[in-house]
């Protein structure tokens, strides 16, 4: 499935959550989608736990 289709499905889900559940449901769906994205990238091996704790520049001071 292409990224465009996945993005469209996510947009539709956010639209339904915002329409039927209000702004709070919209934020909840968006936050859970972001968490799912990060977990998915972690499980695929594209992301490592150290990436969150590494300084921006890799220079040691």
C-alpha atoms as a PDB file:
ATOM      1  CA  UNK A   1       0.000   0.000   0.000  1.00  0.00           C
ATOM      2  CA  UNK A   2       1.439   3.349  -0.966  1.00  0.00           C
ATOM      3  CA  UNK A   3       2.093   6.154   1.484  1.00  0.00           C
ATOM      4  CA  UNK A   4      -0.497   8.307  -0.273  1.00  0.00           C
ATOM      5  CA  UNK A   5      -3.241   5.755   0.402  1.00  0.00           C
ATOM      6  CA  UNK A   6      -2.162   5.358   4.018  1.00  0.00           C
ATOM      7  CA  UNK A   7      -2.171   9.135   4.427  1.00  0.00           C
ATOM      8  CA  UNK A   8      -5.632   9.346   2.903  1.00  0.00           C
ATOM      9  CA  UNK A   9      -6.968   6.677   5.280  1.00  0.00           C
ATOM     10  CA  UNK A  10      -5.424   8.479   8.247  1.00  0.00           C
ATOM     11  CA  UNK A  11      -6.979  11.749   7.095  1.00  0.00           C
ATOM     12  CA  UNK A  12     -10.404  10.162   6.760  1.00  0.00           C
ATOM     13  CA  UNK A  13     -10.107   8.624  10.232  1.00  0.00           C
ATOM     14  CA  UNK A  14      -9.137  11.991  11.704  1.00  0.00           C
ATOM     15  CA  UNK A  15     -12.009  13.649   9.873  1.00  0.00           C
ATOM     16  CA  UNK A  16     -14.552  11.188  11.234  1.00  0.00           C
ATOM     17  CA  UNK A  17     -13.121  11.504  14.751  1.00  0.00           C
ATOM     18  CA  UNK A  18     -13.302  15.280  14.560  1.00  0.00           C
ATOM     19  CA  UNK A  19     -16.828  15.317  13.167  1.00  0.00           C
ATOM     20  CA  UNK A  20     -18.425  12.725  15.439  1.00  0.00           C
ATOM     21  CA  UNK A  21     -16.308  13.067  18.578  1.00  0.00           C
ATOM     22  CA  UNK A  22     -15.218  16.689  18.590  1.00  0.00           C
ATOM     23  CA  UNK A  23     -11.793  18.211  18.929  1.00  0.00           C
ATOM     24  CA  UNK A  24     -10.774  15.999  21.885  1.00  0.00           C
ATOM     25  CA  UNK A  25     -11.384  12.833  19.874  1.00  0.00           C
ATOM     26  CA  UNK A  26      -9.476  14.361  16.959  1.00  0.00           C
ATOM     27  CA  UNK A  27      -6.446  14.946  19.194  1.00  0.00           C
ATOM     28  CA  UNK A  28      -6.696  11.453  20.687  1.00  0.00           C
ATOM     29  CA  UNK A  29      -6.778   9.802  17.260  1.00  0.00           C
ATOM     30  CA  UNK A  30      -3.867  11.940  16.067  1.00  0.00           C
ATOM     31  CA  UNK A  31      -1.767  11.136  19.154  1.00  0.00           C
ATOM     32  CA  UNK A  32      -2.470   7.408  18.943  1.00  0.00           C
ATOM     33  CA  UNK A  33      -1.643   7.491  15.242  1.00  0.00           C
ATOM     34  CA  UNK A  34       1.711   9.119  15.978  1.00  0.00           C
ATOM     35  CA  UNK A  35       2.481   6.536  18.671  1.00  0.00           C
ATOM     36  CA  UNK A  36       1.539   3.744  16.282  1.00  0.00           C
ATOM     37  CA  UNK A  37       3.778   5.211  13.604  1.00  0.00           C
ATOM     38  CA  UNK A  38       6.779   5.357  15.946  1.00  0.00           C
ATOM     39  CA  UNK A  39       6.176   1.811  17.235  1.00  0.00           C
ATOM     40  CA  UNK A  40       5.824   0.542  13.670  1.00  0.00           C
ATOM     41  CA  UNK A  41       9.083   2.165  12.601  1.00  0.00           C
ATOM     42  CA  UNK A  42      10.781   0.724  15.694  1.00  0.00           C
ATOM     43  CA  UNK A  43       9.510  -2.804  14.951  1.00  0.00           C
ATOM     44  CA  UNK A  44      10.569  -2.576  11.296  1.00  0.00           C
ATOM     45  CA  UNK A  45      14.087  -1.674  12.377  1.00  0.00           C
ATOM     46  CA  UNK A  46      14.087   1.796  10.820  1.00  0.00           C
ATOM     47  CA  UNK A  47      14.303   3.473  14.209  1.00  0.00           C
ATOM     48  CA  UNK A  48      16.402   2.728  17.278  1.00  0.00           C
ATOM     49  CA  UNK A  49      15.696   3.664  20.856  1.00  0.00           C
ATOM     50  CA  UNK A  50      18.984   5.597  21.034  1.00  0.00           C
ATOM     51  CA  UNK A  51      17.756   7.963  18.318  1.00  0.00           C
ATOM     52  CA  UNK A  52      15.503   9.639  20.879  1.00  0.00           C
ATOM     53  CA  UNK A  53      18.310  10.270  23.368  1.00  0.00           C
ATOM     54  CA  UNK A  54      21.210  11.137  21.089  1.00  0.00           C
ATOM     55  CA  UNK A  55      22.207  14.819  20.976  1.00  0.00           C
ATOM     56  CA  UNK A  56      21.475  16.721  17.780  1.00  0.00           C
ATOM     57  CA  UNK A  57      25.086  17.090  16.836  1.00  0.00           C
ATOM     58  CA  UNK A  58      27.205  14.040  17.440  1.00  0.00           C
ATOM     59  CA  UNK A  59      30.124  16.137  18.730  1.00  0.00           C
ATOM     60  CA  UNK A  60      31.170  15.524  22.299  1.00  0.00           C
ATOM     61  CA  UNK A  61      31.930  18.639  24.314  1.00  0.00           C
END
